[in-house]
Amino acid sequence: MQPPWKEPHKNGYQDYSPANYAGSFEDNAQDPADLLENTLSQLEALLWVCHGEGIDWHNGEGPRQLDNLLWLAADMARKAGELFQVSETARRAAPETGG
C-alpha cells in the first residue's frame, strides 16, 4: 500500500499536499493488520528521523522514510482538523453559562 500522495496523477505530477487527498491512508485500510503495518511504518520513519545524523534523504532508505514521515504529518494534520471541528461543534452546542 502507498500513501495517497504517492499514487500516479492523471496530469503526470504528484501533489504532496495533505490537503489534496480525501481521508487518511490508514482509514482506507480495511484489515487491522494493514492498520498496524501503516502505523508501524510511520513510527519507524519518526524514529529514523529522531536518530538524525548521516541520513541520506535521496538514496537508500531515505526516500521511503521521508514519504512515511510526510504521511504521518499529513495524518496528524487531518486528525487535528477533525478534532477542531468536533470541538467547535460541541462548544457552539453547549449552553452559555453566565458567570
Protein backbone atom coordinates (compact mmCIF):
# COMPACT_ATOMS: atom_id res chain seq x y z
CA MET A 1 0.00 0.00 0.00
CA GLN A 2 1.12 3.52 -0.73
CA PRO A 3 0.15 6.83 0.84
CA PRO A 4 -2.42 8.64 -1.32
CA TRP A 5 0.02 11.29 -2.50
CA LYS A 6 2.30 8.62 -3.98
CA GLU A 7 -0.36 7.36 -6.38
CA PRO A 8 0.04 8.47 -10.01
CA HIS A 9 -1.94 11.51 -11.04
CA LYS A 10 -3.69 11.80 -14.39
CA ASN A 11 -1.85 15.04 -15.19
CA GLY A 12 1.54 13.44 -14.61
CA TYR A 13 2.69 15.11 -11.39
CA GLN A 14 2.33 14.30 -7.74
CA ASP A 15 0.79 16.72 -5.28
CA TYR A 16 2.37 16.17 -1.88
CA SER A 17 -0.06 18.44 -0.06
CA PRO A 18 -2.04 16.61 2.64
CA ALA A 19 -4.97 18.93 1.93
CA ASN A 20 -5.32 17.44 -1.54
CA TYR A 21 -6.37 13.95 -0.60
CA ALA A 22 -9.59 12.81 0.98
CA GLY A 23 -9.30 10.88 4.20
CA SER A 24 -6.39 9.17 5.76
CA PHE A 25 -4.37 6.43 4.16
CA GLU A 26 -4.77 4.39 7.31
CA ASP A 27 -8.54 4.90 7.16
CA ASN A 28 -8.51 3.31 3.70
CA ALA A 29 -7.01 0.11 5.08
CA GLN A 30 -9.71 -2.42 5.89
CA ASP A 31 -7.69 -5.07 7.66
CA PRO A 32 -6.39 -4.49 11.21
CA ALA A 33 -3.05 -5.94 10.12
CA ASP A 34 -2.84 -3.22 7.43
CA LEU A 35 -3.64 -0.54 10.00
CA LEU A 36 -0.91 -1.91 12.26
CA GLU A 37 1.58 -2.07 9.38
CA ASN A 38 0.75 1.53 8.41
CA THR A 39 1.21 2.79 11.97
CA LEU A 40 4.48 0.90 12.38
CA SER A 41 5.81 2.35 9.11
CA GLN A 42 5.01 5.85 10.33
CA LEU A 43 6.59 5.19 13.73
CA GLU A 44 9.71 3.75 12.11
CA ALA A 45 10.05 6.90 9.99
CA LEU A 46 9.64 9.13 13.03
CA LEU A 47 12.28 7.20 14.98
CA TRP A 48 14.56 7.20 11.94
CA VAL A 49 14.37 11.00 11.80
CA CYS A 50 14.98 11.32 15.54
CA HIS A 51 18.30 9.50 15.11
CA GLY A 52 19.23 12.32 12.80
CA GLU A 53 22.89 12.07 11.88
CA GLY A 54 24.01 10.93 8.47
CA ILE A 55 20.57 10.48 6.95
CA ASP A 56 20.71 10.45 3.16
CA TRP A 57 17.21 11.56 2.12
CA HIS A 58 17.92 10.92 -1.56
CA ASN A 59 19.28 7.35 -1.56
CA GLY A 60 18.74 4.01 0.13
CA GLU A 61 16.01 4.04 2.77
CA GLY A 62 15.89 7.85 2.90
CA PRO A 63 13.14 8.47 0.32
CA ARG A 64 10.87 5.78 1.77
CA GLN A 65 11.34 7.09 5.30
CA LEU A 66 10.71 10.67 4.16
CA ASP A 67 7.49 9.57 2.44
CA ASN A 68 6.38 7.84 5.64
CA LEU A 69 7.22 10.90 7.71
CA LEU A 70 5.19 13.14 5.38
CA TRP A 71 2.36 10.62 5.59
CA LEU A 72 2.49 10.77 9.40
CA ALA A 73 2.43 14.58 9.37
CA ALA A 74 -0.50 14.60 6.92
CA ASP A 75 -2.46 12.17 9.09
CA MET A 76 -1.79 14.22 12.20
CA ALA A 77 -2.85 17.45 10.47
CA ARG A 78 -6.06 15.85 9.18
CA LYS A 79 -6.91 14.40 12.59
CA ALA A 80 -6.22 17.73 14.30
CA GLY A 81 -8.57 19.46 11.85
CA GLU A 82 -11.28 16.89 12.52
CA LEU A 83 -10.84 17.29 16.29
CA PHE A 84 -11.08 21.06 15.93
CA GLN A 85 -14.36 20.73 14.02
CA VAL A 86 -15.80 18.36 16.66
CA SER A 87 -14.66 20.67 19.44
CA GLU A 88 -16.17 23.75 17.75
CA THR A 89 -19.46 21.94 17.19
CA ALA A 90 -19.57 20.91 20.86
CA ARG A 91 -18.63 24.42 22.01
CA ARG A 92 -21.38 26.01 19.93
CA ALA A 93 -23.94 23.48 21.15
CA ALA A 94 -23.04 23.93 24.83
CA PRO A 95 -25.34 26.23 26.80
CA GLU A 96 -23.82 29.54 27.77
CA THR A 97 -23.11 29.84 31.47
CA GLY A 98 -23.32 33.31 32.92
CA GLY A 99 -20.56 33.78 35.38
